[in-house]
């Protein structure tokens, strides 16, 4: 599935940066579901959106890991966020 990451990375200046890639897989870590993607994003992009070709929000960019050959981005799956919001909405 083709996806795009939108954000304001520190190296990208003051205008939004949009990068394209694909979903590489899914993983679970603690209570969250994560989307793994080869879409490029860097420091400062955290909190940006990952969207599909229809413009639907898939998740929120959070972290990236890289080695000498490639990098992998990790995005908090929007379903995990919806669950967290539902659990905490009534806590006031």
C-alpha atoms as a PDB file:
ATOM      1  CA  UNK A   1       0.000   0.000   0.000  1.00  0.00           C
ATOM      2  CA  UNK A   2       1.389   3.396  -0.998  1.00  0.00           C
ATOM      3  CA  UNK A   3       1.513   5.899   1.890  1.00  0.00           C
ATOM      4  CA  UNK A   4       2.727   9.434   2.526  1.00  0.00           C
ATOM      5  CA  UNK A   5       4.254  10.925   5.666  1.00  0.00           C
ATOM      6  CA  UNK A   6       3.579  14.590   6.360  1.00  0.00           C
ATOM      7  CA  UNK A   7       5.613  16.547   8.859  1.00  0.00           C
ATOM      8  CA  UNK A   8       7.967  19.363   9.701  1.00  0.00           C
ATOM      9  CA  UNK A   9      11.385  17.758  10.143  1.00  0.00           C
ATOM     10  CA  UNK A  10      14.104  19.993  11.509  1.00  0.00           C
ATOM     11  CA  UNK A  11      16.135  19.598   8.299  1.00  0.00           C
ATOM     12  CA  UNK A  12      13.128  20.487   6.114  1.00  0.00           C
ATOM     13  CA  UNK A  13      12.729  24.138   7.043  1.00  0.00           C
ATOM     14  CA  UNK A  14       9.443  25.826   7.878  1.00  0.00           C
ATOM     15  CA  UNK A  15       7.351  24.298   5.096  1.00  0.00           C
ATOM     16  CA  UNK A  16       5.693  20.901   5.323  1.00  0.00           C
ATOM     17  CA  UNK A  17       7.644  17.933   3.976  1.00  0.00           C
ATOM     18  CA  UNK A  18       5.830  15.075   2.250  1.00  0.00           C
ATOM     19  CA  UNK A  19       7.568  11.771   1.576  1.00  0.00           C
ATOM     20  CA  UNK A  20       6.212   8.625  -0.061  1.00  0.00           C
ATOM     21  CA  UNK A  21       6.746   4.959   0.660  1.00  0.00           C
ATOM     22  CA  UNK A  22       4.935   1.781   1.509  1.00  0.00           C
ATOM     23  CA  UNK A  23       3.871  -0.180   4.561  1.00  0.00           C
ATOM     24  CA  UNK A  24       6.481  -2.752   5.467  1.00  0.00           C
ATOM     25  CA  UNK A  25       4.607  -4.499   8.250  1.00  0.00           C
ATOM     26  CA  UNK A  26       2.836  -4.248  11.571  1.00  0.00           C
ATOM     27  CA  UNK A  27       4.104  -4.907  15.070  1.00  0.00           C
ATOM     28  CA  UNK A  28       2.860  -4.711  18.647  1.00  0.00           C
ATOM     29  CA  UNK A  29       4.801  -3.044  21.449  1.00  0.00           C
ATOM     30  CA  UNK A  30       3.143  -2.721  24.821  1.00  0.00           C
ATOM     31  CA  UNK A  31      -0.422  -1.518  24.442  1.00  0.00           C
ATOM     32  CA  UNK A  32       0.232   0.033  21.025  1.00  0.00           C
ATOM     33  CA  UNK A  33       0.009  -1.281  17.497  1.00  0.00           C
ATOM     34  CA  UNK A  34       2.708   0.097  15.179  1.00  0.00           C
ATOM     35  CA  UNK A  35       2.914   0.463  11.420  1.00  0.00           C
ATOM     36  CA  UNK A  36       6.378  -0.110   9.963  1.00  0.00           C
ATOM     37  CA  UNK A  37       7.116   1.880   6.827  1.00  0.00           C
ATOM     38  CA  UNK A  38       9.987   2.610   4.482  1.00  0.00           C
ATOM     39  CA  UNK A  39       8.649   6.155   4.130  1.00  0.00           C
ATOM     40  CA  UNK A  40      11.420   8.569   5.053  1.00  0.00           C
ATOM     41  CA  UNK A  41      10.982  10.875   8.025  1.00  0.00           C
ATOM     42  CA  UNK A  42      13.475  12.329  10.460  1.00  0.00           C
ATOM     43  CA  UNK A  43      13.915  14.226  13.727  1.00  0.00           C
ATOM     44  CA  UNK A  44      11.149  16.758  14.130  1.00  0.00           C
ATOM     45  CA  UNK A  45       8.628  14.802  12.078  1.00  0.00           C
ATOM     46  CA  UNK A  46       7.170  13.086  15.141  1.00  0.00           C
ATOM     47  CA  UNK A  47       3.511  13.883  15.487  1.00  0.00           C
ATOM     48  CA  UNK A  48       3.008  14.176  11.743  1.00  0.00           C
ATOM     49  CA  UNK A  49       0.477  12.154   9.797  1.00  0.00           C
ATOM     50  CA  UNK A  50       0.819   8.965   7.792  1.00  0.00           C
ATOM     51  CA  UNK A  51      -1.942   8.876   5.174  1.00  0.00           C
ATOM     52  CA  UNK A  52      -3.006   6.466   2.437  1.00  0.00           C
ATOM     53  CA  UNK A  53      -3.780   7.295  -1.205  1.00  0.00           C
ATOM     54  CA  UNK A  54      -7.341   8.254  -0.243  1.00  0.00           C
ATOM     55  CA  UNK A  55      -6.101  10.765   2.347  1.00  0.00           C
ATOM     56  CA  UNK A  56      -7.229   8.626   5.287  1.00  0.00           C
ATOM     57  CA  UNK A  57      -5.191   8.980   8.463  1.00  0.00           C
ATOM     58  CA  UNK A  58      -3.404   5.707   9.244  1.00  0.00           C
ATOM     59  CA  UNK A  59      -1.313   6.871  12.162  1.00  0.00           C
ATOM     60  CA  UNK A  60       1.034   9.366  13.772  1.00  0.00           C
ATOM     61  CA  UNK A  61       4.754   9.296  12.971  1.00  0.00           C
ATOM     62  CA  UNK A  62       6.855   8.580  16.019  1.00  0.00           C
ATOM     63  CA  UNK A  63      10.335   7.177  15.481  1.00  0.00           C
ATOM     64  CA  UNK A  64      12.802   5.987  12.869  1.00  0.00           C
ATOM     65  CA  UNK A  65      15.712   3.576  12.942  1.00  0.00           C
ATOM     66  CA  UNK A  66      18.426   3.250  10.349  1.00  0.00           C
ATOM     67  CA  UNK A  67      21.562   1.326   9.504  1.00  0.00           C
ATOM     68  CA  UNK A  68      24.116   1.760   6.737  1.00  0.00           C
ATOM     69  CA  UNK A  69      21.750   0.479   4.067  1.00  0.00           C
ATOM     70  CA  UNK A  70      18.205   1.557   4.869  1.00  0.00           C
ATOM     71  CA  UNK A  71      15.839   3.031   7.426  1.00  0.00           C
ATOM     72  CA  UNK A  72      12.519   2.003   8.916  1.00  0.00           C
ATOM     73  CA  UNK A  73       9.893   4.391  10.236  1.00  0.00           C
ATOM     74  CA  UNK A  74       7.512   3.530  13.049  1.00  0.00           C
ATOM     75  CA  UNK A  75       4.040   5.024  13.184  1.00  0.00           C
ATOM     76  CA  UNK A  76       1.499   4.653  15.989  1.00  0.00           C
ATOM     77  CA  UNK A  77      -1.502   2.969  14.374  1.00  0.00           C
ATOM     78  CA  UNK A  78      -4.570   5.232  14.535  1.00  0.00           C
ATOM     79  CA  UNK A  79      -6.567   2.286  15.935  1.00  0.00           C
ATOM     80  CA  UNK A  80      -4.312   2.274  19.009  1.00  0.00           C
ATOM     81  CA  UNK A  81      -4.887   5.990  19.460  1.00  0.00           C
ATOM     82  CA  UNK A  82      -8.641   5.592  19.130  1.00  0.00           C
ATOM     83  CA  UNK A  83      -8.576   2.912  21.852  1.00  0.00           C
ATOM     84  CA  UNK A  84      -6.472   5.155  24.133  1.00  0.00           C
ATOM     85  CA  UNK A  85      -8.786   8.133  23.557  1.00  0.00           C
ATOM     86  CA  UNK A  86     -11.860   6.007  24.303  1.00  0.00           C
ATOM     87  CA  UNK A  87     -10.273   4.696  27.532  1.00  0.00           C
ATOM     88  CA  UNK A  88      -9.230   8.150  28.743  1.00  0.00           C
ATOM     89  CA  UNK A  89     -11.986  10.407  27.416  1.00  0.00           C
ATOM     90  CA  UNK A  90     -14.094  10.200  30.567  1.00  0.00           C
ATOM     91  CA  UNK A  91     -11.173  10.841  32.957  1.00  0.00           C
ATOM     92  CA  UNK A  92     -11.618  14.404  34.151  1.00  0.00           C
END
